[in-house]
């Protein structure tokens, strides 16, 4: 954040966004809400 160098070869934001979408959907499906 301090340097503005966000490049990664380990775990991209795309991958994290996909995982978060799964958490979002599981929360909705299990009836606990998505707030």
ModelCIF file with pLDDT and N, C-alpha, C, O atoms, coordinates in Angstrom:
data_MODEL
#
_entry.id   MODEL 
#
_entity.id                         1 
_entity.type                       polymer 
_entity.pdbx_number_of_molecules   1 
#
_entity_poly.entity_id                      1 
_entity_poly.type                           'polypeptide(L)' 
_entity_poly.nstd_linkage                   no 
_entity_poly.nstd_monomer                   no 
_entity_poly.pdbx_seq_one_letter_code       
;(UNK)(UNK)(UNK)(UNK)(UNK)(UNK)(UNK)(UNK)(UNK)(UNK)(UNK)(UNK)(UNK)(UNK)(UNK)(UNK)
(UNK)(UNK)(UNK)(UNK)(UNK)(UNK)(UNK)(UNK)(UNK)(UNK)(UNK)(UNK)(UNK)(UNK)(UNK)(UNK)
(UNK)(UNK)(UNK)
;
_entity_poly.pdbx_seq_one_letter_code_can   XXXXXXXXXXXXXXXXXXXXXXXXXXXXXXXXXXX 
_entity_poly.pdbx_strand_id                 A 
#
loop_
_entity_poly_seq.entity_id 
_entity_poly_seq.num 
_entity_poly_seq.mon_id 
_entity_poly_seq.hetero 
1 1  UNK n 
1 2  UNK n 
1 3  UNK n 
1 4  UNK n 
1 5  UNK n 
1 6  UNK n 
1 7  UNK n 
1 8  UNK n 
1 9  UNK n 
1 10 UNK n 
1 11 UNK n 
1 12 UNK n 
1 13 UNK n 
1 14 UNK n 
1 15 UNK n 
1 16 UNK n 
1 17 UNK n 
1 18 UNK n 
1 19 UNK n 
1 20 UNK n 
1 21 UNK n 
1 22 UNK n 
1 23 UNK n 
1 24 UNK n 
1 25 UNK n 
1 26 UNK n 
1 27 UNK n 
1 28 UNK n 
1 29 UNK n 
1 30 UNK n 
1 31 UNK n 
1 32 UNK n 
1 33 UNK n 
1 34 UNK n 
1 35 UNK n 
#
_struct_asym.id          A 
_struct_asym.entity_id   1 
#
loop_
_ma_qa_metric.id 
_ma_qa_metric.mode 
_ma_qa_metric.name 
_ma_qa_metric.software_group_id 
_ma_qa_metric.type 
1 global pLDDT . pLDDT 
2 local  pLDDT . pLDDT 
#
_ma_qa_metric_global.metric_id      1 
_ma_qa_metric_global.metric_value   94.66 
_ma_qa_metric_global.model_id       1 
_ma_qa_metric_global.ordinal_id     1 
#
loop_
_ma_qa_metric_local.label_asym_id 
_ma_qa_metric_local.label_comp_id 
_ma_qa_metric_local.label_seq_id 
_ma_qa_metric_local.metric_id 
_ma_qa_metric_local.metric_value 
_ma_qa_metric_local.model_id 
_ma_qa_metric_local.ordinal_id 
A UNK 1  2 95.00 1 1  
A UNK 2  2 96.00 1 2  
A UNK 3  2 96.00 1 3  
A UNK 4  2 94.00 1 4  
A UNK 5  2 95.00 1 5  
A UNK 6  2 96.00 1 6  
A UNK 7  2 94.00 1 7  
A UNK 8  2 92.00 1 8  
A UNK 9  2 87.00 1 9  
A UNK 10 2 86.00 1 10 
A UNK 11 2 89.00 1 11 
A UNK 12 2 95.00 1 12 
A UNK 13 2 96.00 1 13 
A UNK 14 2 96.00 1 14 
A UNK 15 2 95.00 1 15 
A UNK 16 2 95.00 1 16 
A UNK 17 2 96.00 1 17 
A UNK 18 2 95.00 1 18 
A UNK 19 2 95.00 1 19 
A UNK 20 2 95.00 1 20 
A UNK 21 2 95.00 1 21 
A UNK 22 2 96.00 1 22 
A UNK 23 2 96.00 1 23 
A UNK 24 2 96.00 1 24 
A UNK 25 2 96.00 1 25 
A UNK 26 2 96.00 1 26 
A UNK 27 2 96.00 1 27 
A UNK 28 2 96.00 1 28 
A UNK 29 2 96.00 1 29 
A UNK 30 2 96.00 1 30 
A UNK 31 2 96.00 1 31 
A UNK 32 2 95.00 1 32 
A UNK 33 2 94.00 1 33 
A UNK 34 2 96.00 1 34 
A UNK 35 2 95.00 1 35 
#
loop_
_atom_site.group_PDB 
_atom_site.id 
_atom_site.type_symbol 
_atom_site.label_atom_id 
_atom_site.label_alt_id 
_atom_site.label_comp_id 
_atom_site.label_asym_id 
_atom_site.label_entity_id 
_atom_site.label_seq_id 
_atom_site.pdbx_PDB_ins_code 
_atom_site.Cartn_x 
_atom_site.Cartn_y 
_atom_site.Cartn_z 
_atom_site.occupancy 
_atom_site.B_iso_or_equiv 
_atom_site.pdbx_formal_charge 
_atom_site.auth_seq_id 
_atom_site.auth_comp_id 
_atom_site.auth_asym_id 
_atom_site.auth_atom_id 
_atom_site.pdbx_PDB_model_num 
ATOM 1   N N  . UNK A 1 1  ? 0.827   -1.198  0.000  1.00 95.00 ? 1  UNK A N  1 
ATOM 2   C CA . UNK A 1 1  ? 0.000   0.000   0.000  1.00 95.00 ? 1  UNK A CA 1 
ATOM 3   C C  . UNK A 1 1  ? 0.867   1.256   0.000  1.00 95.00 ? 1  UNK A C  1 
ATOM 4   O O  . UNK A 1 1  ? 0.555   2.227   -0.689 1.00 95.00 ? 1  UNK A O  1 
ATOM 5   N N  . UNK A 1 2  ? 1.944   1.238   0.764  1.00 96.00 ? 2  UNK A N  1 
ATOM 6   C CA . UNK A 1 2  ? 2.838   2.402   0.841  1.00 96.00 ? 2  UNK A CA 1 
ATOM 7   C C  . UNK A 1 2  ? 3.557   2.658   -0.482 1.00 96.00 ? 2  UNK A C  1 
ATOM 8   O O  . UNK A 1 2  ? 3.762   3.808   -0.871 1.00 96.00 ? 2  UNK A O  1 
ATOM 9   N N  . UNK A 1 3  ? 3.939   1.582   -1.172 1.00 96.00 ? 3  UNK A N  1 
ATOM 10  C CA . UNK A 1 3  ? 4.716   1.731   -2.407 1.00 96.00 ? 3  UNK A CA 1 
ATOM 11  C C  . UNK A 1 3  ? 3.856   1.738   -3.662 1.00 96.00 ? 3  UNK A C  1 
ATOM 12  O O  . UNK A 1 3  ? 4.304   2.188   -4.716 1.00 96.00 ? 3  UNK A O  1 
ATOM 13  N N  . UNK A 1 4  ? 2.627   1.245   -3.561 1.00 94.00 ? 4  UNK A N  1 
ATOM 14  C CA . UNK A 1 4  ? 1.772   1.137   -4.737 1.00 94.00 ? 4  UNK A CA 1 
ATOM 15  C C  . UNK A 1 4  ? 2.145   -0.022  -5.638 1.00 94.00 ? 4  UNK A C  1 
ATOM 16  O O  . UNK A 1 4  ? 1.695   -0.089  -6.782 1.00 94.00 ? 4  UNK A O  1 
ATOM 17  N N  . UNK A 1 5  ? 2.963   -0.938  -5.136 1.00 95.00 ? 5  UNK A N  1 
ATOM 18  C CA . UNK A 1 5  ? 3.381   -2.119  -5.902 1.00 95.00 ? 5  UNK A CA 1 
ATOM 19  C C  . UNK A 1 5  ? 2.493   -3.301  -5.507 1.00 95.00 ? 5  UNK A C  1 
ATOM 20  O O  . UNK A 1 5  ? 2.731   -3.948  -4.487 1.00 95.00 ? 5  UNK A O  1 
ATOM 21  N N  . UNK A 1 6  ? 1.478   -3.574  -6.313 1.00 96.00 ? 6  UNK A N  1 
ATOM 22  C CA . UNK A 1 6  ? 0.471   -4.575  -5.973 1.00 96.00 ? 6  UNK A CA 1 
ATOM 23  C C  . UNK A 1 6  ? 0.611   -5.874  -6.753 1.00 96.00 ? 6  UNK A C  1 
ATOM 24  O O  . UNK A 1 6  ? -0.236  -6.758  -6.629 1.00 96.00 ? 6  UNK A O  1 
ATOM 25  N N  . UNK A 1 7  ? 1.662   -6.007  -7.555 1.00 94.00 ? 7  UNK A N  1 
ATOM 26  C CA . UNK A 1 7  ? 1.831   -7.211  -8.357 1.00 94.00 ? 7  UNK A CA 1 
ATOM 27  C C  . UNK A 1 7  ? 1.991   -8.427  -7.451 1.00 94.00 ? 7  UNK A C  1 
ATOM 28  O O  . UNK A 1 7  ? 2.576   -8.351  -6.371 1.00 94.00 ? 7  UNK A O  1 
ATOM 29  N N  . UNK A 1 8  ? 1.457   -9.544  -7.922 1.00 92.00 ? 8  UNK A N  1 
ATOM 30  C CA . UNK A 1 8  ? 1.575   -10.786 -7.165 1.00 92.00 ? 8  UNK A CA 1 
ATOM 31  C C  . UNK A 1 8  ? 1.636   -11.966 -8.112 1.00 92.00 ? 8  UNK A C  1 
ATOM 32  O O  . UNK A 1 8  ? 1.070   -11.932 -9.205 1.00 92.00 ? 8  UNK A O  1 
ATOM 33  N N  . UNK A 1 9  ? 2.316   -12.994 -7.691 1.00 87.00 ? 9  UNK A N  1 
ATOM 34  C CA . UNK A 1 9  ? 2.327   -14.260 -8.415 1.00 87.00 ? 9  UNK A CA 1 
ATOM 35  C C  . UNK A 1 9  ? 1.728   -15.352 -7.545 1.00 87.00 ? 9  UNK A C  1 
ATOM 36  O O  . UNK A 1 9  ? 1.707   -16.522 -7.930 1.00 87.00 ? 9  UNK A O  1 
ATOM 37  N N  . UNK A 1 10 ? 1.239   -14.965 -6.364 1.00 86.00 ? 10 UNK A N  1 
ATOM 38  C CA . UNK A 1 10 ? 0.782   -15.944 -5.387 1.00 86.00 ? 10 UNK A CA 1 
ATOM 39  C C  . UNK A 1 10 ? -0.732  -16.105 -5.410 1.00 86.00 ? 10 UNK A C  1 
ATOM 40  O O  . UNK A 1 10 ? -1.236  -17.206 -5.633 1.00 86.00 ? 10 UNK A O  1 
ATOM 41  N N  . UNK A 1 11 ? -1.449  -15.032 -5.184 1.00 89.00 ? 11 UNK A N  1 
ATOM 42  C CA . UNK A 1 11 ? -2.900  -15.126 -5.049 1.00 89.00 ? 11 UNK A CA 1 
ATOM 43  C C  . UNK A 1 11 ? -3.512  -13.804 -5.482 1.00 89.00 ? 11 UNK A C  1 
ATOM 44  O O  . UNK A 1 11 ? -3.502  -12.829 -4.730 1.00 89.00 ? 11 UNK A O  1 
ATOM 45  N N  . UNK A 1 12 ? -4.039  -13.777 -6.690 1.00 95.00 ? 12 UNK A N  1 
ATOM 46  C CA . UNK A 1 12 ? -4.563  -12.541 -7.259 1.00 95.00 ? 12 UNK A CA 1 
ATOM 47  C C  . UNK A 1 12 ? -5.922  -12.179 -6.657 1.00 95.00 ? 12 UNK A C  1 
ATOM 48  O O  . UNK A 1 12 ? -6.605  -13.003 -6.049 1.00 95.00 ? 12 UNK A O  1 
ATOM 49  N N  . UNK A 1 13 ? -6.277  -10.922 -6.853 1.00 96.00 ? 13 UNK A N  1 
ATOM 50  C CA . UNK A 1 13 ? -7.576  -10.446 -6.396 1.00 96.00 ? 13 UNK A CA 1 
ATOM 51  C C  . UNK A 1 13 ? -8.707  -11.202 -7.088 1.00 96.00 ? 13 UNK A C  1 
ATOM 52  O O  . UNK A 1 13 ? -9.742  -11.463 -6.474 1.00 96.00 ? 13 UNK A O  1 
ATOM 53  N N  . UNK A 1 14 ? -8.521  -11.557 -8.359 1.00 96.00 ? 14 UNK A N  1 
ATOM 54  C CA . UNK A 1 14 ? -9.527  -12.378 -9.065 1.00 96.00 ? 14 UNK A CA 1 
ATOM 55  C C  . UNK A 1 14 ? -9.828  -13.655 -8.284 1.00 96.00 ? 14 UNK A C  1 
ATOM 56  O O  . UNK A 1 14 ? -10.988 -14.018 -8.088 1.00 96.00 ? 14 UNK A O  1 
ATOM 57  N N  . UNK A 1 15 ? -8.776  -14.325 -7.846 1.00 95.00 ? 15 UNK A N  1 
ATOM 58  C CA . UNK A 1 15 ? -8.931  -15.569 -7.099 1.00 95.00 ? 15 UNK A CA 1 
ATOM 59  C C  . UNK A 1 15 ? -9.634  -15.317 -5.765 1.00 95.00 ? 15 UNK A C  1 
ATOM 60  O O  . UNK A 1 15 ? -10.528 -16.068 -5.375 1.00 95.00 ? 15 UNK A O  1 
ATOM 61  N N  . UNK A 1 16 ? -9.228  -14.270 -5.079 1.00 95.00 ? 16 UNK A N  1 
ATOM 62  C CA . UNK A 1 16 ? -9.857  -13.934 -3.801 1.00 95.00 ? 16 UNK A CA 1 
ATOM 63  C C  . UNK A 1 16 ? -11.330 -13.546 -3.992 1.00 95.00 ? 16 UNK A C  1 
ATOM 64  O O  . UNK A 1 16 ? -12.180 -13.902 -3.176 1.00 95.00 ? 16 UNK A O  1 
ATOM 65  N N  . UNK A 1 17 ? -11.620 -12.822 -5.063 1.00 96.00 ? 17 UNK A N  1 
ATOM 66  C CA . UNK A 1 17 ? -13.004 -12.440 -5.350 1.00 96.00 ? 17 UNK A CA 1 
ATOM 67  C C  . UNK A 1 17 ? -13.862 -13.677 -5.614 1.00 96.00 ? 17 UNK A C  1 
ATOM 68  O O  . UNK A 1 17 ? -15.020 -13.731 -5.201 1.00 96.00 ? 17 UNK A O  1 
ATOM 69  N N  . UNK A 1 18 ? -13.298 -14.663 -6.299 1.00 95.00 ? 18 UNK A N  1 
ATOM 70  C CA . UNK A 1 18 ? -14.034 -15.916 -6.538 1.00 95.00 ? 18 UNK A CA 1 
ATOM 71  C C  . UNK A 1 18 ? -14.324 -16.625 -5.216 1.00 95.00 ? 18 UNK A C  1 
ATOM 72  O O  . UNK A 1 18 ? -15.431 -17.121 -5.006 1.00 95.00 ? 18 UNK A O  1 
ATOM 73  N N  . UNK A 1 19 ? -13.336 -16.674 -4.330 1.00 95.00 ? 19 UNK A N  1 
ATOM 74  C CA . UNK A 1 19 ? -13.543 -17.288 -3.013 1.00 95.00 ? 19 UNK A CA 1 
ATOM 75  C C  . UNK A 1 19 ? -14.579 -16.545 -2.196 1.00 95.00 ? 19 UNK A C  1 
ATOM 76  O O  . UNK A 1 19 ? -15.402 -17.157 -1.515 1.00 95.00 ? 19 UNK A O  1 
ATOM 77  N N  . UNK A 1 20 ? -14.537 -15.233 -2.266 1.00 95.00 ? 20 UNK A N  1 
ATOM 78  C CA . UNK A 1 20 ? -15.510 -14.432 -1.529 1.00 95.00 ? 20 UNK A CA 1 
ATOM 79  C C  . UNK A 1 20 ? -16.915 -14.639 -2.087 1.00 95.00 ? 20 UNK A C  1 
ATOM 80  O O  . UNK A 1 20 ? -17.888 -14.653 -1.334 1.00 95.00 ? 20 UNK A O  1 
ATOM 81  N N  . UNK A 1 21 ? -17.021 -14.799 -3.399 1.00 95.00 ? 21 UNK A N  1 
ATOM 82  C CA . UNK A 1 21 ? -18.323 -15.087 -4.006 1.00 95.00 ? 21 UNK A CA 1 
ATOM 83  C C  . UNK A 1 21 ? -18.886 -16.402 -3.471 1.00 95.00 ? 21 UNK A C  1 
ATOM 84  O O  . UNK A 1 21 ? -20.092 -16.522 -3.255 1.00 95.00 ? 21 UNK A O  1 
ATOM 85  N N  . UNK A 1 22 ? -18.014 -17.384 -3.257 1.00 96.00 ? 22 UNK A N  1 
ATOM 86  C CA . UNK A 1 22 ? -18.462 -18.655 -2.681 1.00 96.00 ? 22 UNK A CA 1 
ATOM 87  C C  . UNK A 1 22 ? -18.944 -18.469 -1.249 1.00 96.00 ? 22 UNK A C  1 
ATOM 88  O O  . UNK A 1 22 ? -19.969 -19.031 -0.864 1.00 96.00 ? 22 UNK A O  1 
ATOM 89  N N  . UNK A 1 23 ? -18.214 -17.685 -0.454 1.00 96.00 ? 23 UNK A N  1 
ATOM 90  C CA . UNK A 1 23 ? -18.646 -17.393 0.917  1.00 96.00 ? 23 UNK A CA 1 
ATOM 91  C C  . UNK A 1 23 ? -19.987 -16.671 0.914  1.00 96.00 ? 23 UNK A C  1 
ATOM 92  O O  . UNK A 1 23 ? -20.872 -16.994 1.706  1.00 96.00 ? 23 UNK A O  1 
ATOM 93  N N  . UNK A 1 24 ? -20.136 -15.702 0.033  1.00 96.00 ? 24 UNK A N  1 
ATOM 94  C CA . UNK A 1 24 ? -21.382 -14.949 -0.091 1.00 96.00 ? 24 UNK A CA 1 
ATOM 95  C C  . UNK A 1 24 ? -22.544 -15.887 -0.411 1.00 96.00 ? 24 UNK A C  1 
ATOM 96  O O  . UNK A 1 24 ? -23.597 -15.826 0.223  1.00 96.00 ? 24 UNK A O  1 
ATOM 97  N N  . UNK A 1 25 ? -22.338 -16.746 -1.392 1.00 96.00 ? 25 UNK A N  1 
ATOM 98  C CA . UNK A 1 25 ? -23.398 -17.669 -1.809 1.00 96.00 ? 25 UNK A CA 1 
ATOM 99  C C  . UNK A 1 25 ? -23.712 -18.684 -0.716 1.00 96.00 ? 25 UNK A C  1 
ATOM 100 O O  . UNK A 1 25 ? -24.879 -19.000 -0.489 1.00 96.00 ? 25 UNK A O  1 
ATOM 101 N N  . UNK A 1 26 ? -22.692 -19.200 -0.037 1.00 96.00 ? 26 UNK A N  1 
ATOM 102 C CA . UNK A 1 26 ? -22.932 -20.144 1.062  1.00 96.00 ? 26 UNK A CA 1 
ATOM 103 C C  . UNK A 1 26 ? -23.703 -19.473 2.191  1.00 96.00 ? 26 UNK A C  1 
ATOM 104 O O  . UNK A 1 26 ? -24.596 -20.086 2.775  1.00 96.00 ? 26 UNK A O  1 
ATOM 105 N N  . UNK A 1 27 ? -23.376 -18.240 2.503  1.00 96.00 ? 27 UNK A N  1 
ATOM 106 C CA . UNK A 1 27 ? -24.097 -17.508 3.554  1.00 96.00 ? 27 UNK A CA 1 
ATOM 107 C C  . UNK A 1 27 ? -25.563 -17.339 3.178  1.00 96.00 ? 27 UNK A C  1 
ATOM 108 O O  . UNK A 1 27 ? -26.453 -17.530 4.007  1.00 96.00 ? 27 UNK A O  1 
ATOM 109 N N  . UNK A 1 28 ? -25.803 -16.981 1.924  1.00 96.00 ? 28 UNK A N  1 
ATOM 110 C CA . UNK A 1 28 ? -27.181 -16.830 1.452  1.00 96.00 ? 28 UNK A CA 1 
ATOM 111 C C  . UNK A 1 28 ? -27.909 -18.163 1.486  1.00 96.00 ? 28 UNK A C  1 
ATOM 112 O O  . UNK A 1 28 ? -29.033 -18.250 1.981  1.00 96.00 ? 28 UNK A O  1 
ATOM 113 N N  . UNK A 1 29 ? -27.270 -19.197 0.962  1.00 96.00 ? 29 UNK A N  1 
ATOM 114 C CA . UNK A 1 29 ? -27.898 -20.513 0.874  1.00 96.00 ? 29 UNK A CA 1 
ATOM 115 C C  . UNK A 1 29 ? -28.193 -21.104 2.249  1.00 96.00 ? 29 UNK A C  1 
ATOM 116 O O  . UNK A 1 29 ? -29.192 -21.803 2.419  1.00 96.00 ? 29 UNK A O  1 
ATOM 117 N N  . UNK A 1 30 ? -27.350 -20.838 3.214  1.00 96.00 ? 30 UNK A N  1 
ATOM 118 C CA . UNK A 1 30 ? -27.545 -21.382 4.557  1.00 96.00 ? 30 UNK A CA 1 
ATOM 119 C C  . UNK A 1 30 ? -28.502 -20.530 5.393  1.00 96.00 ? 30 UNK A C  1 
ATOM 120 O O  . UNK A 1 30 ? -28.788 -20.864 6.543  1.00 96.00 ? 30 UNK A O  1 
ATOM 121 N N  . UNK A 1 31 ? -28.990 -19.444 4.824  1.00 96.00 ? 31 UNK A N  1 
ATOM 122 C CA . UNK A 1 31 ? -29.999 -18.635 5.492  1.00 96.00 ? 31 UNK A CA 1 
ATOM 123 C C  . UNK A 1 31 ? -29.476 -17.716 6.585  1.00 96.00 ? 31 UNK A C  1 
ATOM 124 O O  . UNK A 1 31 ? -30.248 -17.259 7.427  1.00 96.00 ? 31 UNK A O  1 
ATOM 125 N N  . UNK A 1 32 ? -28.175 -17.438 6.584  1.00 95.00 ? 32 UNK A N  1 
ATOM 126 C CA . UNK A 1 32 ? -27.647 -16.561 7.634  1.00 95.00 ? 32 UNK A CA 1 
ATOM 127 C C  . UNK A 1 32 ? -27.487 -15.125 7.162  1.00 95.00 ? 32 UNK A C  1 
ATOM 128 O O  . UNK A 1 32 ? -27.062 -14.259 7.927  1.00 95.00 ? 32 UNK A O  1 
ATOM 129 N N  . UNK A 1 33 ? -27.823 -14.873 5.916  1.00 94.00 ? 33 UNK A N  1 
ATOM 130 C CA . UNK A 1 33 ? -27.756 -13.522 5.384  1.00 94.00 ? 33 UNK A CA 1 
ATOM 131 C C  . UNK A 1 33 ? -26.392 -13.183 4.813  1.00 94.00 ? 33 UNK A C  1 
ATOM 132 O O  . UNK A 1 33 ? -25.417 -13.911 4.995  1.00 94.00 ? 33 UNK A O  1 
ATOM 133 N N  . UNK A 1 34 ? -26.356 -12.069 4.126  1.00 96.00 ? 34 UNK A N  1 
ATOM 134 C CA . UNK A 1 34 ? -25.141 -11.655 3.425  1.00 96.00 ? 34 UNK A CA 1 
ATOM 135 C C  . UNK A 1 34 ? -24.653 -10.276 3.849  1.00 96.00 ? 34 UNK A C  1 
ATOM 136 O O  . UNK A 1 34 ? -23.823 -9.676  3.166  1.00 96.00 ? 34 UNK A O  1 
ATOM 137 N N  . UNK A 1 35 ? -25.158 -9.770  4.968  1.00 95.00 ? 35 UNK A N  1 
ATOM 138 C CA . UNK A 1 35 ? -24.798 -8.415  5.408  1.00 95.00 ? 35 UNK A CA 1 
ATOM 139 C C  . UNK A 1 35 ? -23.305 -8.266  5.674  1.00 95.00 ? 35 UNK A C  1 
ATOM 140 O O  . UNK A 1 35 ? -22.850 -7.187  6.050  1.00 95.00 ? 35 UNK A O  1 
#
